[in-house]
Amino acid sequence: MNLIQAKILEDIKIAEQNENFLKSYLLTLVNEEIMKLEAQKQSELDNDDIINILKNNYYQKEESIKQYKTAGLDDLCKKEEEAMRILLSYIPHELSDEEIQAAILEVILEIGSSSKENMNQIINIVAKRIGNIASPKRIATLLESVLH
């Protein structure tokens, strides 16, 4: 079992003991998504897969908040904001721009080219190295600033 999934299962038990129903319910739903995807893949998920599930749930909550605010449902906004805080505690923090730029420069030095023709290659290598900690779109934006 993946470390993140093990932490989620442990936190479900703790949330239930502490009668934190929102956290228990939310993490149970996330765990069900993990188990469903594992069944589809017929293998255990890695950290990146689980982080993607967590991020997707986070973004869904973000969208729900926008809709609830438009409808004037402040009480539901507060619940979704709390759910986002819970999810965020399981998602690794993204790297700073400086850290990503350092990784970009390292790759540029390794491949020996910084031309725009190699942008996709550089983005792919950087994305593989830093994993799910920064989006390829963010890497591309920072790469453009490094190249200019």
Protein backbone atom coordinates (compact mmCIF):
# COMPACT_ATOMS: atom_id res chain seq x y z
CA MET A 1 0.00 0.00 0.00
CA ASN A 2 1.19 3.47 -0.91
CA LEU A 3 2.33 5.74 1.93
CA ILE A 4 -0.19 8.47 1.10
CA GLN A 5 -3.01 5.94 0.98
CA ALA A 6 -1.89 4.45 4.31
CA LYS A 7 -1.94 7.94 5.85
CA ILE A 8 -5.41 8.57 4.44
CA LEU A 9 -6.70 5.30 5.95
CA GLU A 10 -5.14 6.11 9.31
CA ASP A 11 -6.58 9.63 9.23
CA ILE A 12 -10.04 8.25 8.44
CA LYS A 13 -9.89 6.20 11.65
CA ILE A 14 -8.69 9.19 13.67
CA ALA A 15 -11.35 11.47 12.15
CA GLU A 16 -14.06 8.96 13.02
CA GLN A 17 -12.79 8.66 16.58
CA ASN A 18 -12.76 12.46 16.91
CA GLU A 19 -16.18 12.72 15.26
CA ASN A 20 -14.78 14.88 12.47
CA PHE A 21 -17.43 13.81 10.00
CA LEU A 22 -16.38 16.05 7.13
CA LYS A 23 -12.79 14.79 7.15
CA SER A 24 -13.90 11.17 7.57
CA TYR A 25 -16.42 11.45 4.73
CA LEU A 26 -14.04 13.31 2.39
CA LEU A 27 -11.13 10.94 2.93
CA THR A 28 -13.41 7.92 2.54
CA LEU A 29 -14.51 9.25 -0.85
CA VAL A 30 -10.88 9.81 -1.87
CA ASN A 31 -9.97 6.29 -0.73
CA GLU A 32 -12.86 4.87 -2.76
CA GLU A 33 -11.54 6.69 -5.84
CA ILE A 34 -8.08 5.23 -5.18
CA MET A 35 -9.48 1.71 -4.85
CA LYS A 36 -11.61 2.15 -8.00
CA LEU A 37 -8.60 3.28 -10.05
CA GLU A 38 -6.49 0.44 -8.64
CA ALA A 39 -9.17 -2.01 -9.74
CA GLN A 40 -9.21 -0.48 -13.22
CA LYS A 41 -5.42 -0.58 -13.51
CA GLN A 42 -5.23 -3.92 -11.70
CA SER A 43 -2.23 -2.67 -9.80
CA GLU A 44 -1.32 -0.48 -6.85
CA LEU A 45 -1.22 3.25 -7.56
CA ASP A 46 1.95 5.27 -7.18
CA ASN A 47 2.25 8.64 -5.45
CA ASP A 48 1.62 10.60 -8.65
CA ASP A 49 -1.68 8.80 -9.29
CA ILE A 50 -2.90 9.44 -5.75
CA ILE A 51 -1.77 13.06 -5.84
CA ASN A 52 -3.70 13.49 -9.10
CA ILE A 53 -6.84 12.14 -7.40
CA LEU A 54 -6.33 14.57 -4.51
CA LYS A 55 -5.71 17.50 -6.88
CA ASN A 56 -8.80 16.67 -8.94
CA ASN A 57 -10.91 16.64 -5.79
CA TYR A 58 -9.32 19.93 -4.73
CA TYR A 59 -10.13 21.57 -8.08
CA GLN A 60 -13.71 20.23 -7.91
CA LYS A 61 -14.12 21.88 -4.51
CA GLU A 62 -12.72 25.10 -5.93
CA GLU A 63 -15.32 25.05 -8.72
CA SER A 64 -18.09 24.26 -6.25
CA ILE A 65 -17.13 27.28 -4.16
CA LYS A 66 -17.43 29.56 -7.20
CA GLN A 67 -20.91 28.23 -7.89
CA TYR A 68 -21.99 28.44 -4.25
CA LYS A 69 -20.75 32.03 -3.98
CA THR A 70 -22.70 32.96 -7.11
CA ALA A 71 -25.80 31.40 -5.56
CA GLY A 72 -25.17 33.08 -2.19
CA LEU A 73 -24.73 29.79 -0.31
CA ASP A 74 -22.09 30.88 2.19
CA ASP A 75 -22.58 27.91 4.53
CA LEU A 76 -21.75 25.48 1.71
CA CYS A 77 -18.76 27.63 0.74
CA LYS A 78 -17.35 27.25 4.24
CA LYS A 79 -17.71 23.45 4.11
CA GLU A 80 -16.00 23.29 0.72
CA GLU A 81 -13.19 25.57 1.93
CA GLU A 82 -12.63 23.26 4.91
CA ALA A 83 -12.60 20.28 2.54
CA MET A 84 -10.00 22.06 0.41
CA ARG A 85 -7.80 22.62 3.48
CA ILE A 86 -8.05 18.92 4.32
CA LEU A 87 -7.14 17.86 0.77
CA LEU A 88 -4.30 20.38 0.61
CA SER A 89 -2.68 18.74 3.63
CA TYR A 90 -2.09 15.60 1.52
CA ILE A 91 -0.86 17.37 -1.62
CA PRO A 92 2.86 18.19 -1.74
CA HIS A 93 3.56 21.90 -1.96
CA GLU A 94 4.64 23.09 -5.37
CA LEU A 95 8.20 24.17 -5.90
CA SER A 96 9.07 27.85 -6.01
CA ASP A 97 9.77 29.53 -9.35
CA GLU A 98 13.46 29.69 -8.46
CA GLU A 99 13.62 25.93 -7.77
CA ILE A 100 11.91 25.13 -11.06
CA GLN A 101 14.17 27.53 -12.94
CA ALA A 102 17.21 25.85 -11.38
CA ALA A 103 15.93 22.46 -12.61
CA ILE A 104 15.37 23.96 -16.07
CA LEU A 105 18.90 25.37 -16.19
CA GLU A 106 20.31 22.04 -15.08
CA VAL A 107 18.51 20.24 -17.92
CA ILE A 108 19.58 22.87 -20.46
CA LEU A 109 23.21 22.38 -19.42
CA GLU A 110 22.87 18.59 -19.62
CA ILE A 111 21.36 18.49 -23.10
CA GLY A 112 23.57 21.34 -24.27
CA SER A 113 20.83 23.32 -25.98
CA SER A 114 18.52 26.13 -25.04
CA SER A 115 16.78 26.70 -28.35
CA LYS A 116 13.03 26.96 -28.67
CA GLU A 117 13.13 23.81 -30.82
CA ASN A 118 14.05 21.81 -27.70
CA MET A 119 11.37 23.32 -25.44
CA ASN A 120 9.18 20.21 -25.37
CA GLN A 121 12.17 17.99 -24.63
CA ILE A 122 13.28 20.27 -21.78
CA ILE A 123 9.74 20.47 -20.35
CA ASN A 124 9.36 16.68 -20.44
CA ILE A 125 12.70 16.05 -18.72
CA VAL A 126 12.04 18.66 -16.02
CA ALA A 127 8.50 17.34 -15.46
CA LYS A 128 9.81 13.79 -15.02
CA ARG A 129 12.46 14.91 -12.55
CA ILE A 130 10.27 16.98 -10.31
CA GLY A 131 7.23 14.77 -10.70
CA ASN A 132 3.82 16.05 -9.79
CA ILE A 133 5.14 19.04 -7.88
CA ALA A 134 4.71 21.53 -10.75
CA SER A 135 2.47 21.45 -13.79
CA PRO A 136 3.99 21.23 -17.28
CA LYS A 137 2.22 24.52 -18.09
CA ARG A 138 4.02 26.26 -15.23
CA ILE A 139 7.34 24.68 -16.31
CA ALA A 140 6.75 25.95 -19.87
CA THR A 141 6.04 29.47 -18.64
CA LEU A 142 9.21 29.51 -16.56
CA LEU A 143 11.23 27.98 -19.39
CA GLU A 144 10.13 30.81 -21.66
CA SER A 145 11.29 33.35 -19.09
CA VAL A 146 14.66 31.57 -18.80
CA LEU A 147 15.12 31.52 -22.59
CA HIS A 148 14.42 35.27 -22.91
